[in-house]
Amino acid sequence: MKNYPNPFIPERADPYITKGSDGYYYFTASYPAFHDEFHGYDRIALRRSKNVEGLRNAEEKTVWLAHKEGIMSRHIWAPELHEIDGKWYVFFAAGNSDDKWHIRPYVLMCNGTDPINDTWEEKGKAQPADGDDISFNSFSLDMTYFEHNSKHYLIWAEIIGASSLFMAEINPDSPWKLISQPILLSKPEYDWEKVRFSVNEGASVLKGEDKIFVFFSASGTGAEYCMGYLWADNAADLMDITSWHKTTEPVLSTKDLIGEAGPGHNSFVYDEEGSLLLVYHARPESHFDKSCGTYDDEPLYDPCRHARIKHVKFDEKGFPVIL
């Protein structure tokens, strides 16, 4: 089991690593902002390597820049790179110059098979299914994709009352448009989900031998940030909310860490040795006393959130254990 440096990549929040059918590992994350939205959060950048460790020092290439004005011009957040039926897509969130908090999910499609060097086409804002007049009408972000039992799904966070997780089916031929009405997958219920803000966001899917898991992040984005998960049986109807069960306590929080604070917004990947990795961001512990070099009172504009890696194993009951 390979040990990875901590931090793995400095100043990269919302880290996402995936392995493509081309054999390469790809890394993307929120490009940092310093003190306000005008000094960062302005691009989507990718790295690739033949192994996970090589991503640390791999060349970072900007494949898309934010618009100067209008939609997709502010707060470019939490990109995820997904290969769907042989095509590459990036899901990301963005605001606009008229209202930087008018955050919505958007989709890019690669016009080729090389996501680093081929061009990217804007497919626009994520679209609700016909007859759905609720989805993406309010602050919404952190869209992720997964396939399970030959069905394809999107999960995203949207503020309807509180920031909650919603899920719907898609057609993989046009993964920016829902084909079903969404279900409310999870909303903040417990105290650990309501510190500073009531939030469920940053969903990430993990498949076990007989269960499927949706990890998510909760509370504000400072040292209070933490992670929990939902799970369902592999054979269950995932669009039936009664199939899902939720942890009553966080599975990773500041108290579980040494020298780190506010873990969250994770992804999963198996490295080249077959080890299951949890890829997440957390601040240095110095965030508590404001001595982190780039500290800002608004956590969103403090780039001192670093990509980090932990190993994960499944216990005898098939549940993930973060090591």
C-alpha atoms as a PDB file:
ATOM      1  CA  MET A   1       0.000   0.000   0.000  1.00  0.00           C
ATOM      2  CA  LYS A   2       1.648   3.207  -1.208  1.00  0.00           C
ATOM      3  CA  ASN A   3       1.945   6.188   1.122  1.00  0.00           C
ATOM      4  CA  TYR A   4       1.112   9.521  -0.506  1.00  0.00           C
ATOM      5  CA  PRO A   5       2.522  12.879   0.636  1.00  0.00           C
ATOM      6  CA  ASN A   6       0.244  15.070   2.741  1.00  0.00           C
ATOM      7  CA  PRO A   7      -0.676  17.471   1.290  1.00  0.00           C
ATOM      8  CA  PHE A   8      -0.767  15.735  -2.077  1.00  0.00           C
ATOM      9  CA  ILE A   9      -1.283  18.892  -4.184  1.00  0.00           C
ATOM     10  CA  PRO A  10      -1.283  22.286  -2.408  1.00  0.00           C
ATOM     11  CA  GLU A  11      -4.007  24.880  -2.978  1.00  0.00           C
ATOM     12  CA  ARG A  12      -6.357  22.616  -4.911  1.00  0.00           C
ATOM     13  CA  ALA A  13      -9.798  22.254  -3.307  1.00  0.00           C
ATOM     14  CA  ASP A  14     -12.612  19.927  -4.420  1.00  0.00           C
ATOM     15  CA  PRO A  15     -10.085  17.453  -5.887  1.00  0.00           C
ATOM     16  CA  TYR A  16     -11.239  14.912  -8.452  1.00  0.00           C
ATOM     17  CA  ILE A  17      -9.144  12.018  -9.785  1.00  0.00           C
ATOM     18  CA  THR A  18     -10.363   9.516 -12.362  1.00  0.00           C
ATOM     19  CA  LYS A  19      -8.750   6.830 -14.500  1.00  0.00           C
ATOM     20  CA  GLY A  20      -9.626   6.892 -18.184  1.00  0.00           C
ATOM     21  CA  SER A  21      -9.998   4.035 -20.643  1.00  0.00           C
ATOM     22  CA  ASP A  22      -6.730   5.315 -22.150  1.00  0.00           C
ATOM     23  CA  GLY A  23      -4.889   4.114 -19.022  1.00  0.00           C
ATOM     24  CA  TYR A  24      -4.105   7.611 -17.737  1.00  0.00           C
ATOM     25  CA  TYR A  25      -5.056   9.102 -14.398  1.00  0.00           C
ATOM     26  CA  TYR A  26      -6.537  12.610 -14.586  1.00  0.00           C
ATOM     27  CA  PHE A  27      -6.728  15.270 -11.874  1.00  0.00           C
ATOM     28  CA  THR A  28      -8.826  18.418 -11.723  1.00  0.00           C
ATOM     29  CA  ALA A  29      -9.954  20.686  -8.896  1.00  0.00           C
ATOM     30  CA  SER A  30     -11.163  24.198  -8.148  1.00  0.00           C
ATOM     31  CA  TYR A  31      -8.463  26.606  -9.256  1.00  0.00           C
ATOM     32  CA  PRO A  32      -7.827  28.738  -6.147  1.00  0.00           C
ATOM     33  CA  ALA A  33      -9.017  32.283  -5.510  1.00  0.00           C
ATOM     34  CA  PHE A  34      -7.215  34.792  -3.319  1.00  0.00           C
ATOM     35  CA  HIS A  35      -9.446  37.060  -1.190  1.00  0.00           C
ATOM     36  CA  ASP A  36     -12.227  37.617  -3.767  1.00  0.00           C
ATOM     37  CA  GLU A  37     -13.757  36.199  -6.943  1.00  0.00           C
ATOM     38  CA  PHE A  38     -11.624  38.432  -9.166  1.00  0.00           C
ATOM     39  CA  HIS A  39      -8.362  36.694  -8.263  1.00  0.00           C
ATOM     40  CA  GLY A  40      -9.008  33.087  -9.220  1.00  0.00           C
ATOM     41  CA  TYR A  41     -11.912  30.639  -9.634  1.00  0.00           C
ATOM     42  CA  ASP A  42     -11.537  31.409 -13.328  1.00  0.00           C
ATOM     43  CA  ARG A  43     -10.558  28.238 -15.192  1.00  0.00           C
ATOM     44  CA  ILE A  44     -10.669  24.489 -15.567  1.00  0.00           C
ATOM     45  CA  ALA A  45      -7.272  22.825 -15.571  1.00  0.00           C
ATOM     46  CA  LEU A  46      -6.313  19.171 -15.994  1.00  0.00           C
ATOM     47  CA  ARG A  47      -3.287  17.046 -15.164  1.00  0.00           C
ATOM     48  CA  ARG A  48      -2.593  13.495 -16.237  1.00  0.00           C
ATOM     49  CA  SER A  49      -0.142  10.750 -15.412  1.00  0.00           C
ATOM     50  CA  LYS A  50       0.326   7.013 -15.820  1.00  0.00           C
ATOM     51  CA  ASN A  51       0.104   6.690 -12.021  1.00  0.00           C
ATOM     52  CA  VAL A  52      -1.559   8.576  -9.195  1.00  0.00           C
ATOM     53  CA  GLU A  53       1.653   9.840  -7.607  1.00  0.00           C
ATOM     54  CA  GLY A  54       2.756  11.339 -10.921  1.00  0.00           C
ATOM     55  CA  LEU A  55      -0.202  13.739 -10.792  1.00  0.00           C
ATOM     56  CA  ARG A  56       1.574  15.728  -8.062  1.00  0.00           C
ATOM     57  CA  ASN A  57       4.143  17.177 -10.436  1.00  0.00           C
ATOM     58  CA  ALA A  58       2.390  16.664 -13.767  1.00  0.00           C
ATOM     59  CA  GLU A  59       2.002  19.678 -16.025  1.00  0.00           C
ATOM     60  CA  GLU A  60      -1.269  21.466 -15.384  1.00  0.00           C
ATOM     61  CA  LYS A  61      -3.007  22.579 -18.569  1.00  0.00           C
ATOM     62  CA  THR A  62      -5.878  25.028 -18.688  1.00  0.00           C
ATOM     63  CA  VAL A  63      -8.496  23.573 -21.040  1.00  0.00           C
ATOM     64  CA  TRP A  64     -11.192  26.219 -20.524  1.00  0.00           C
ATOM     65  CA  LEU A  65     -11.256  29.813 -19.261  1.00  0.00           C
ATOM     66  CA  ALA A  66     -14.184  31.612 -17.656  1.00  0.00           C
ATOM     67  CA  HIS A  67     -16.124  34.086 -19.744  1.00  0.00           C
ATOM     68  CA  LYS A  68     -15.151  37.711 -19.148  1.00  0.00           C
ATOM     69  CA  GLU A  69     -18.795  38.700 -18.612  1.00  0.00           C
ATOM     70  CA  GLY A  70     -22.224  37.077 -18.396  1.00  0.00           C
ATOM     71  CA  ILE A  71     -22.815  33.442 -17.519  1.00  0.00           C
ATOM     72  CA  MET A  72     -19.882  31.204 -16.602  1.00  0.00           C
ATOM     73  CA  SER A  73     -17.772  34.234 -15.646  1.00  0.00           C
ATOM     74  CA  ARG A  74     -17.478  33.965 -11.841  1.00  0.00           C
ATOM     75  CA  HIS A  75     -16.904  31.276  -9.218  1.00  0.00           C
ATOM     76  CA  ILE A  76     -15.827  28.386 -11.439  1.00  0.00           C
ATOM     77  CA  TRP A  77     -16.079  25.626  -8.855  1.00  0.00           C
ATOM     78  CA  ALA A  78     -15.611  21.909  -8.360  1.00  0.00           C
ATOM     79  CA  PRO A  79     -14.982  20.567 -11.888  1.00  0.00           C
ATOM     80  CA  GLU A  80     -15.304  16.825 -12.393  1.00  0.00           C
ATOM     81  CA  LEU A  81     -14.006  14.943 -15.428  1.00  0.00           C
ATOM     82  CA  HIS A  82     -16.166  11.998 -16.507  1.00  0.00           C
ATOM     83  CA  GLU A  83     -15.817   9.550 -19.368  1.00  0.00           C
ATOM     84  CA  ILE A  84     -19.318   8.563 -20.466  1.00  0.00           C
ATOM     85  CA  ASP A  85     -19.762   6.057 -23.294  1.00  0.00           C
ATOM     86  CA  GLY A  86     -16.376   6.932 -24.760  1.00  0.00           C
ATOM     87  CA  LYS A  87     -16.785  10.722 -24.557  1.00  0.00           C
ATOM     88  CA  TRP A  88     -15.205  13.089 -22.054  1.00  0.00           C
ATOM     89  CA  TYR A  89     -17.284  15.622 -20.141  1.00  0.00           C
ATOM     90  CA  VAL A  90     -16.566  18.186 -17.451  1.00  0.00           C
ATOM     91  CA  PHE A  91     -19.292  19.068 -14.970  1.00  0.00           C
ATOM     92  CA  PHE A  92     -18.696  22.305 -13.052  1.00  0.00           C
ATOM     93  CA  ALA A  93     -20.498  25.143 -11.313  1.00  0.00           C
ATOM     94  CA  ALA A  94     -20.353  28.834 -12.205  1.00  0.00           C
ATOM     95  CA  GLY A  95     -21.871  32.201 -11.390  1.00  0.00           C
ATOM     96  CA  ASN A  96     -22.200  35.239 -13.642  1.00  0.00           C
ATOM     97  CA  SER A  97     -21.013  38.819 -13.720  1.00  0.00           C
ATOM     98  CA  ASP A  98     -24.479  40.200 -12.902  1.00  0.00           C
ATOM     99  CA  ASP A  99     -24.786  38.011  -9.808  1.00  0.00           C
ATOM    100  CA  LYS A 100     -21.760  36.072  -8.635  1.00  0.00           C
ATOM    101  CA  TRP A 101     -24.020  33.905  -6.442  1.00  0.00           C
ATOM    102  CA  HIS A 102     -26.247  32.881  -9.347  1.00  0.00           C
ATOM    103  CA  ILE A 103     -24.467  29.518  -9.244  1.00  0.00           C
ATOM    104  CA  ARG A 104     -25.644  26.780 -11.592  1.00  0.00           C
ATOM    105  CA  PRO A 105     -24.130  23.538 -12.979  1.00  0.00           C
ATOM    106  CA  TYR A 106     -22.716  23.597 -16.510  1.00  0.00           C
ATOM    107  CA  VAL A 107     -21.289  20.965 -18.854  1.00  0.00           C
ATOM    108  CA  LEU A 108     -18.391  20.881 -21.316  1.00  0.00           C
ATOM    109  CA  MET A 109     -17.904  18.096 -23.896  1.00  0.00           C
ATOM    110  CA  CYS A 110     -14.541  17.206 -25.411  1.00  0.00           C
ATOM    111  CA  ASN A 111     -14.490  17.181 -29.211  1.00  0.00           C
ATOM    112  CA  GLY A 112     -12.138  14.233 -29.357  1.00  0.00           C
ATOM    113  CA  THR A 113     -10.596  11.496 -27.244  1.00  0.00           C
ATOM    114  CA  ASP A 114      -7.739  13.483 -25.684  1.00  0.00           C
ATOM    115  CA  PRO A 115      -9.100  15.700 -22.890  1.00  0.00           C
ATOM    116  CA  ILE A 116      -5.768  17.473 -22.449  1.00  0.00           C
ATOM    117  CA  ASN A 117      -5.129  18.505 -26.054  1.00  0.00           C
ATOM    118  CA  ASP A 118      -8.468  18.356 -27.893  1.00  0.00           C
ATOM    119  CA  THR A 119     -10.960  21.224 -27.882  1.00  0.00           C
ATOM    120  CA  TRP A 120     -13.901  21.559 -25.510  1.00  0.00           C
ATOM    121  CA  GLU A 121     -17.446  22.552 -26.449  1.00  0.00           C
ATOM    122  CA  GLU A 122     -19.819  24.315 -24.073  1.00  0.00           C
ATOM    123  CA  LYS A 123     -23.081  22.366 -23.768  1.00  0.00           C
ATOM    124  CA  GLY A 124     -24.546  24.980 -21.456  1.00  0.00           C
ATOM    125  CA  LYS A 125     -26.429  24.789 -18.191  1.00  0.00           C
ATOM    126  CA  ALA A 126     -27.740  21.470 -16.900  1.00  0.00           C
ATOM    127  CA  GLN A 127     -31.355  21.042 -18.002  1.00  0.00           C
ATOM    128  CA  PRO A 128     -34.337  19.631 -16.094  1.00  0.00           C
ATOM    129  CA  ALA A 129     -36.573  16.931 -17.499  1.00  0.00           C
ATOM    130  CA  ASP A 130     -39.709  17.962 -19.324  1.00  0.00           C
ATOM    131  CA  GLY A 131     -42.305  19.012 -16.775  1.00  0.00           C
ATOM    132  CA  ASP A 132     -39.741  19.617 -14.024  1.00  0.00           C
ATOM    133  CA  ASP A 133     -39.963  23.286 -13.050  1.00  0.00           C
ATOM    134  CA  ILE A 134     -37.845  22.978  -9.886  1.00  0.00           C
ATOM    135  CA  SER A 135     -34.400  21.606 -10.747  1.00  0.00           C
ATOM    136  CA  PHE A 136     -31.626  24.182 -11.298  1.00  0.00           C
ATOM    137  CA  ASN A 137     -33.936  27.110 -10.560  1.00  0.00           C
ATOM    138  CA  SER A 138     -31.988  28.065  -7.439  1.00  0.00           C
ATOM    139  CA  PHE A 139     -28.366  27.992  -6.231  1.00  0.00           C
ATOM    140  CA  SER A 140     -27.100  24.594  -7.424  1.00  0.00           C
ATOM    141  CA  LEU A 141     -23.668  23.072  -7.818  1.00  0.00           C
ATOM    142  CA  ASP A 142     -21.364  20.061  -7.276  1.00  0.00           C
ATOM    143  CA  MET A 143     -22.843  17.872  -9.990  1.00  0.00           C
ATOM    144  CA  THR A 144     -21.509  14.325 -10.243  1.00  0.00           C
ATOM    145  CA  TYR A 145     -22.299  11.398 -12.520  1.00  0.00           C
ATOM    146  CA  PHE A 146     -22.410   7.638 -12.056  1.00  0.00           C
ATOM    147  CA  GLU A 147     -23.698   4.514 -13.788  1.00  0.00           C
ATOM    148  CA  HIS A 148     -25.276   1.626 -11.921  1.00  0.00           C
ATOM    149  CA  ASN A 149     -27.038  -1.480 -13.230  1.00  0.00           C
ATOM    150  CA  SER A 150     -27.138   0.012 -16.752  1.00  0.00           C
ATOM    151  CA  LYS A 151     -28.838   3.201 -15.597  1.00  0.00           C
ATOM    152  CA  HIS A 152     -27.174   6.595 -15.556  1.00  0.00           C
ATOM    153  CA  TYR A 153     -27.595   9.235 -12.862  1.00  0.00           C
ATOM    154  CA  LEU A 154     -26.660  12.755 -11.834  1.00  0.00           C
ATOM    155  CA  ILE A 155     -26.460  13.974  -8.248  1.00  0.00           C
ATOM    156  CA  TRP A 156     -26.156  17.651  -7.385  1.00  0.00           C
ATOM    157  CA  ALA A 157     -26.653  20.037  -4.476  1.00  0.00           C
ATOM    158  CA  GLU A 158     -29.364  22.684  -4.621  1.00  0.00           C
ATOM    159  CA  ILE A 159     -30.644  25.177  -2.090  1.00  0.00           C
ATOM    160  CA  ILE A 160     -34.339  24.533  -1.653  1.00  0.00           C
ATOM    161  CA  GLY A 161     -34.827  25.507   1.971  1.00  0.00           C
ATOM    162  CA  ALA A 162     -31.292  24.273   2.740  1.00  0.00           C
ATOM    163  CA  SER A 163     -28.505  22.989   0.521  1.00  0.00           C
ATOM    164  CA  SER A 164     -29.627  19.415  -0.158  1.00  0.00           C
ATOM    165  CA  LEU A 165     -28.722  16.560  -2.493  1.00  0.00           C
ATOM    166  CA  PHE A 166     -30.969  15.682  -5.427  1.00  0.00           C
ATOM    167  CA  MET A 167     -30.689  12.790  -7.873  1.00  0.00           C
ATOM    168  CA  ALA A 168     -32.218  12.050 -11.278  1.00  0.00           C
ATOM    169  CA  GLU A 169     -31.653   9.798 -14.279  1.00  0.00           C
ATOM    170  CA  ILE A 170     -30.080  10.873 -17.570  1.00  0.00           C
ATOM    171  CA  ASN A 171     -29.537   9.528 -21.061  1.00  0.00           C
ATOM    172  CA  PRO A 172     -25.754   9.103 -21.481  1.00  0.00           C
ATOM    173  CA  ASP A 173     -26.004  10.463 -25.028  1.00  0.00           C
ATOM    174  CA  SER A 174     -26.837  13.896 -23.575  1.00  0.00           C
ATOM    175  CA  PRO A 175     -25.741  13.826 -19.929  1.00  0.00           C
ATOM    176  CA  TRP A 176     -26.540  17.498 -19.371  1.00  0.00           C
ATOM    177  CA  LYS A 177     -30.306  16.838 -19.453  1.00  0.00           C
ATOM    178  CA  LEU A 178     -32.381  14.951 -16.886  1.00  0.00           C
ATOM    179  CA  ILE A 179     -34.890  12.377 -18.109  1.00  0.00           C
ATOM    180  CA  SER A 180     -36.687  11.821 -14.796  1.00  0.00           C
ATOM    181  CA  GLN A 181     -38.117  13.883 -12.002  1.00  0.00           C
ATOM    182  CA  PRO A 182     -35.518  14.228  -9.236  1.00  0.00           C
ATOM    183  CA  ILE A 183     -35.679  12.751  -5.772  1.00  0.00           C
ATOM    184  CA  LEU A 184     -34.530  14.539  -2.637  1.00  0.00           C
ATOM    185  CA  LEU A 185     -31.693  12.230  -1.644  1.00  0.00           C
ATOM    186  CA  SER A 186     -30.465  13.956   1.509  1.00  0.00           C
ATOM    187  CA  LYS A 187     -30.997  17.181   3.447  1.00  0.00           C
ATOM    188  CA  PRO A 188     -29.254  18.503   6.571  1.00  0.00           C
ATOM    189  CA  GLU A 189     -30.823  16.828   9.596  1.00  0.00           C
ATOM    190  CA  TYR A 190     -28.154  16.430  12.263  1.00  0.00           C
ATOM    191  CA  ASP A 191     -26.202  19.038  14.189  1.00  0.00           C
ATOM    192  CA  TRP A 192     -22.959  18.173  12.368  1.00  0.00           C
ATOM    193  CA  GLU A 193     -24.627  19.088   9.061  1.00  0.00           C
ATOM    194  CA  LYS A 194     -25.668  22.549  10.297  1.00  0.00           C
ATOM    195  CA  VAL A 195     -22.545  24.217  11.675  1.00  0.00           C
ATOM    196  CA  ARG A 196     -22.420  27.813  10.361  1.00  0.00           C
ATOM    197  CA  PHE A 197     -24.583  26.772   7.409  1.00  0.00           C
ATOM    198  CA  SER A 198     -27.069  23.935   6.823  1.00  0.00           C
ATOM    199  CA  VAL A 199     -25.408  22.097   3.950  1.00  0.00           C
ATOM    200  CA  ASN A 200     -25.240  18.788   2.123  1.00  0.00           C
ATOM    201  CA  GLU A 201     -23.046  19.066  -0.999  1.00  0.00           C
ATOM    202  CA  GLY A 202     -20.102  17.556  -2.882  1.00  0.00           C
ATOM    203  CA  ALA A 203     -21.550  14.099  -3.565  1.00  0.00           C
ATOM    204  CA  SER A 204     -19.195  11.289  -4.622  1.00  0.00           C
ATOM    205  CA  VAL A 205     -20.206   7.718  -5.455  1.00  0.00           C
ATOM    206  CA  LEU A 206     -18.400   4.576  -4.287  1.00  0.00           C
ATOM    207  CA  LYS A 207     -19.411   1.051  -5.287  1.00  0.00           C
ATOM    208  CA  GLY A 208     -18.824  -1.849  -2.920  1.00  0.00           C
ATOM    209  CA  GLU A 209     -19.352  -5.560  -3.432  1.00  0.00           C
ATOM    210  CA  ASP A 210     -23.021  -5.509  -2.443  1.00  0.00           C
ATOM    211  CA  LYS A 211     -23.712  -1.866  -1.563  1.00  0.00           C
ATOM    212  CA  ILE A 212     -23.444   1.518  -3.227  1.00  0.00           C
ATOM    213  CA  PHE A 213     -22.444   4.610  -1.269  1.00  0.00           C
ATOM    214  CA  VAL A 214     -22.893   8.347  -1.789  1.00  0.00           C
ATOM    215  CA  PHE A 215     -20.400  10.350   0.265  1.00  0.00           C
ATOM    216  CA  PHE A 216     -21.177  14.026   0.837  1.00  0.00           C
ATOM    217  CA  SER A 217     -19.845  17.053   2.678  1.00  0.00           C
ATOM    218  CA  ALA A 218     -21.735  18.991   5.342  1.00  0.00           C
ATOM    219  CA  SER A 219     -21.781  22.353   7.152  1.00  0.00           C
ATOM    220  CA  GLY A 220     -19.751  25.475   6.266  1.00  0.00           C
ATOM    221  CA  THR A 221     -16.488  25.293   4.349  1.00  0.00           C
ATOM    222  CA  GLY A 222     -14.187  26.197   7.250  1.00  0.00           C
ATOM    223  CA  ALA A 223     -12.841  23.883   9.948  1.00  0.00           C
ATOM    224  CA  GLU A 224     -16.431  22.694  10.540  1.00  0.00           C
ATOM    225  CA  TYR A 225     -16.586  20.985   7.127  1.00  0.00           C
ATOM    226  CA  CYS A 226     -16.993  17.208   7.442  1.00  0.00           C
ATOM    227  CA  MET A 227     -18.157  14.120   5.565  1.00  0.00           C
ATOM    228  CA  GLY A 228     -20.913  11.550   5.900  1.00  0.00           C
ATOM    229  CA  TYR A 229     -22.465   9.053   3.506  1.00  0.00           C
ATOM    230  CA  LEU A 230     -25.665   7.366   2.364  1.00  0.00           C
ATOM    231  CA  TRP A 231     -25.865   3.748   1.272  1.00  0.00           C
ATOM    232  CA  ALA A 232     -28.224   1.404  -0.564  1.00  0.00           C
ATOM    233  CA  ASP A 233     -28.137  -2.247  -1.587  1.00  0.00           C
ATOM    234  CA  ASN A 234     -26.733  -2.780  -5.074  1.00  0.00           C
ATOM    235  CA  ALA A 235     -29.965  -4.371  -6.303  1.00  0.00           C
ATOM    236  CA  ALA A 236     -32.226  -1.648  -4.884  1.00  0.00           C
ATOM    237  CA  ASP A 237     -34.220   0.887  -6.878  1.00  0.00           C
ATOM    238  CA  LEU A 238     -31.981   3.910  -6.395  1.00  0.00           C
ATOM    239  CA  MET A 239     -34.773   6.321  -7.306  1.00  0.00           C
ATOM    240  CA  ASP A 240     -36.844   5.042  -4.372  1.00  0.00           C
ATOM    241  CA  ILE A 241     -35.788   7.151  -1.394  1.00  0.00           C
ATOM    242  CA  THR A 242     -36.650   4.309   0.995  1.00  0.00           C
ATOM    243  CA  SER A 243     -33.705   2.371  -0.505  1.00  0.00           C
ATOM    244  CA  TRP A 244     -31.245   4.811   1.078  1.00  0.00           C
ATOM    245  CA  HIS A 245     -29.824   4.972   4.605  1.00  0.00           C
ATOM    246  CA  LYS A 246     -27.739   7.772   6.103  1.00  0.00           C
ATOM    247  CA  THR A 247     -24.952   7.879   8.666  1.00  0.00           C
ATOM    248  CA  THR A 248     -26.024   9.609  11.882  1.00  0.00           C
ATOM    249  CA  GLU A 249     -22.468  10.828  12.603  1.00  0.00           C
ATOM    250  CA  PRO A 250     -19.731  12.168  10.316  1.00  0.00           C
ATOM    251  CA  VAL A 251     -17.253   9.605   9.013  1.00  0.00           C
ATOM    252  CA  LEU A 252     -14.426  12.143   8.626  1.00  0.00           C
ATOM    253  CA  SER A 253     -14.120  15.444  10.496  1.00  0.00           C
ATOM    254  CA  THR A 254     -11.464  17.676  11.998  1.00  0.00           C
ATOM    255  CA  LYS A 255     -11.361  15.630  15.205  1.00  0.00           C
ATOM    256  CA  ASP A 256     -10.308  12.559  13.204  1.00  0.00           C
ATOM    257  CA  LEU A 257      -7.225  14.297  11.796  1.00  0.00           C
ATOM    258  CA  ILE A 258      -3.828  15.499  12.960  1.00  0.00           C
ATOM    259  CA  GLY A 259      -2.617  18.807  11.559  1.00  0.00           C
ATOM    260  CA  GLU A 260      -5.667  19.202   9.312  1.00  0.00           C
ATOM    261  CA  ALA A 261      -9.039  20.922   9.551  1.00  0.00           C
ATOM    262  CA  GLY A 262     -12.301  20.823   7.614  1.00  0.00           C
ATOM    263  CA  PRO A 263     -12.038  17.678   5.454  1.00  0.00           C
ATOM    264  CA  GLY A 264     -14.488  17.358   2.600  1.00  0.00           C
ATOM    265  CA  HIS A 265     -15.487  17.366  -1.056  1.00  0.00           C
ATOM    266  CA  ASN A 266     -13.971  14.039  -1.962  1.00  0.00           C
ATOM    267  CA  SER A 267     -13.646  11.644  -4.869  1.00  0.00           C
ATOM    268  CA  PHE A 268     -12.589   7.985  -5.063  1.00  0.00           C
ATOM    269  CA  VAL A 269     -10.129   6.185  -7.304  1.00  0.00           C
ATOM    270  CA  TYR A 270      -8.188   2.915  -7.323  1.00  0.00           C
ATOM    271  CA  ASP A 271      -4.472   3.467  -7.794  1.00  0.00           C
ATOM    272  CA  GLU A 272      -2.227   1.382 -10.054  1.00  0.00           C
ATOM    273  CA  GLU A 273      -1.629  -1.093  -7.197  1.00  0.00           C
ATOM    274  CA  GLY A 274      -5.372  -1.638  -6.726  1.00  0.00           C
ATOM    275  CA  SER A 275      -5.628   0.340  -3.471  1.00  0.00           C
ATOM    276  CA  LEU A 276      -8.824   2.319  -2.969  1.00  0.00           C
ATOM    277  CA  LEU A 277      -8.088   6.002  -2.341  1.00  0.00           C
ATOM    278  CA  LEU A 278     -10.180   8.753  -0.818  1.00  0.00           C
ATOM    279  CA  VAL A 279      -9.141  12.052  -2.427  1.00  0.00           C
ATOM    280  CA  TYR A 280     -10.304  15.082  -0.423  1.00  0.00           C
ATOM    281  CA  HIS A 281      -9.311  18.583   0.632  1.00  0.00           C
ATOM    282  CA  ALA A 282      -8.594  19.948   4.077  1.00  0.00           C
ATOM    283  CA  ARG A 283      -7.002  23.060   5.506  1.00  0.00           C
ATOM    284  CA  PRO A 284      -3.859  23.068   7.606  1.00  0.00           C
ATOM    285  CA  GLU A 285      -4.524  23.169  11.328  1.00  0.00           C
ATOM    286  CA  SER A 286      -3.089  26.702  11.355  1.00  0.00           C
ATOM    287  CA  HIS A 287      -6.458  27.817   9.962  1.00  0.00           C
ATOM    288  CA  PHE A 288      -7.693  27.802  13.569  1.00  0.00           C
ATOM    289  CA  ASP A 289      -5.338  30.594  14.680  1.00  0.00           C
ATOM    290  CA  LYS A 290      -5.402  32.442  11.342  1.00  0.00           C
ATOM    291  CA  SER A 291      -1.689  31.827  10.780  1.00  0.00           C
ATOM    292  CA  CYS A 292      -2.117  30.013   7.469  1.00  0.00           C
ATOM    293  CA  GLY A 293      -0.179  32.192   5.031  1.00  0.00           C
ATOM    294  CA  THR A 294      -3.132  33.099   2.841  1.00  0.00           C
ATOM    295  CA  TYR A 295      -5.762  33.179   5.599  1.00  0.00           C
ATOM    296  CA  ASP A 296      -8.972  35.022   4.771  1.00  0.00           C
ATOM    297  CA  ASP A 297     -11.994  35.512   7.045  1.00  0.00           C
ATOM    298  CA  GLU A 298     -14.181  34.205   4.218  1.00  0.00           C
ATOM    299  CA  PRO A 299     -13.141  30.546   3.849  1.00  0.00           C
ATOM    300  CA  LEU A 300     -14.165  30.443   0.179  1.00  0.00           C
ATOM    301  CA  TYR A 301     -11.415  32.929  -0.683  1.00  0.00           C
ATOM    302  CA  ASP A 302      -8.704  31.295   1.395  1.00  0.00           C
ATOM    303  CA  PRO A 303      -6.727  29.081  -1.033  1.00  0.00           C
ATOM    304  CA  CYS A 304      -5.153  27.204   1.878  1.00  0.00           C
ATOM    305  CA  ARG A 305      -7.257  24.121   1.068  1.00  0.00           C
ATOM    306  CA  HIS A 306      -5.012  21.319  -0.084  1.00  0.00           C
ATOM    307  CA  ALA A 307      -5.753  18.082  -1.955  1.00  0.00           C
ATOM    308  CA  ARG A 308      -4.976  15.073   0.233  1.00  0.00           C
ATOM    309  CA  ILE A 309      -5.260  11.291   0.019  1.00  0.00           C
ATOM    310  CA  LYS A 310      -6.288   8.573   2.475  1.00  0.00           C
ATOM    311  CA  HIS A 311      -6.648   4.833   1.967  1.00  0.00           C
ATOM    312  CA  VAL A 312     -10.033   3.114   2.296  1.00  0.00           C
ATOM    313  CA  LYS A 313     -10.877  -0.521   3.025  1.00  0.00           C
ATOM    314  CA  PHE A 314     -14.193  -2.322   3.291  1.00  0.00           C
ATOM    315  CA  ASP A 315     -15.034  -4.039   6.590  1.00  0.00           C
ATOM    316  CA  GLU A 316     -16.539  -7.505   6.957  1.00  0.00           C
ATOM    317  CA  LYS A 317     -20.048  -6.066   6.517  1.00  0.00           C
ATOM    318  CA  GLY A 318     -19.135  -4.300   3.290  1.00  0.00           C
ATOM    319  CA  PHE A 319     -18.927  -0.747   4.691  1.00  0.00           C
ATOM    320  CA  PRO A 320     -16.024   1.587   3.856  1.00  0.00           C
ATOM    321  CA  VAL A 321     -13.486   2.397   6.553  1.00  0.00           C
ATOM    322  CA  ILE A 322     -11.210   5.410   6.109  1.00  0.00           C
ATOM    323  CA  LEU A 323      -7.703   4.513   7.256  1.00  0.00           C
END
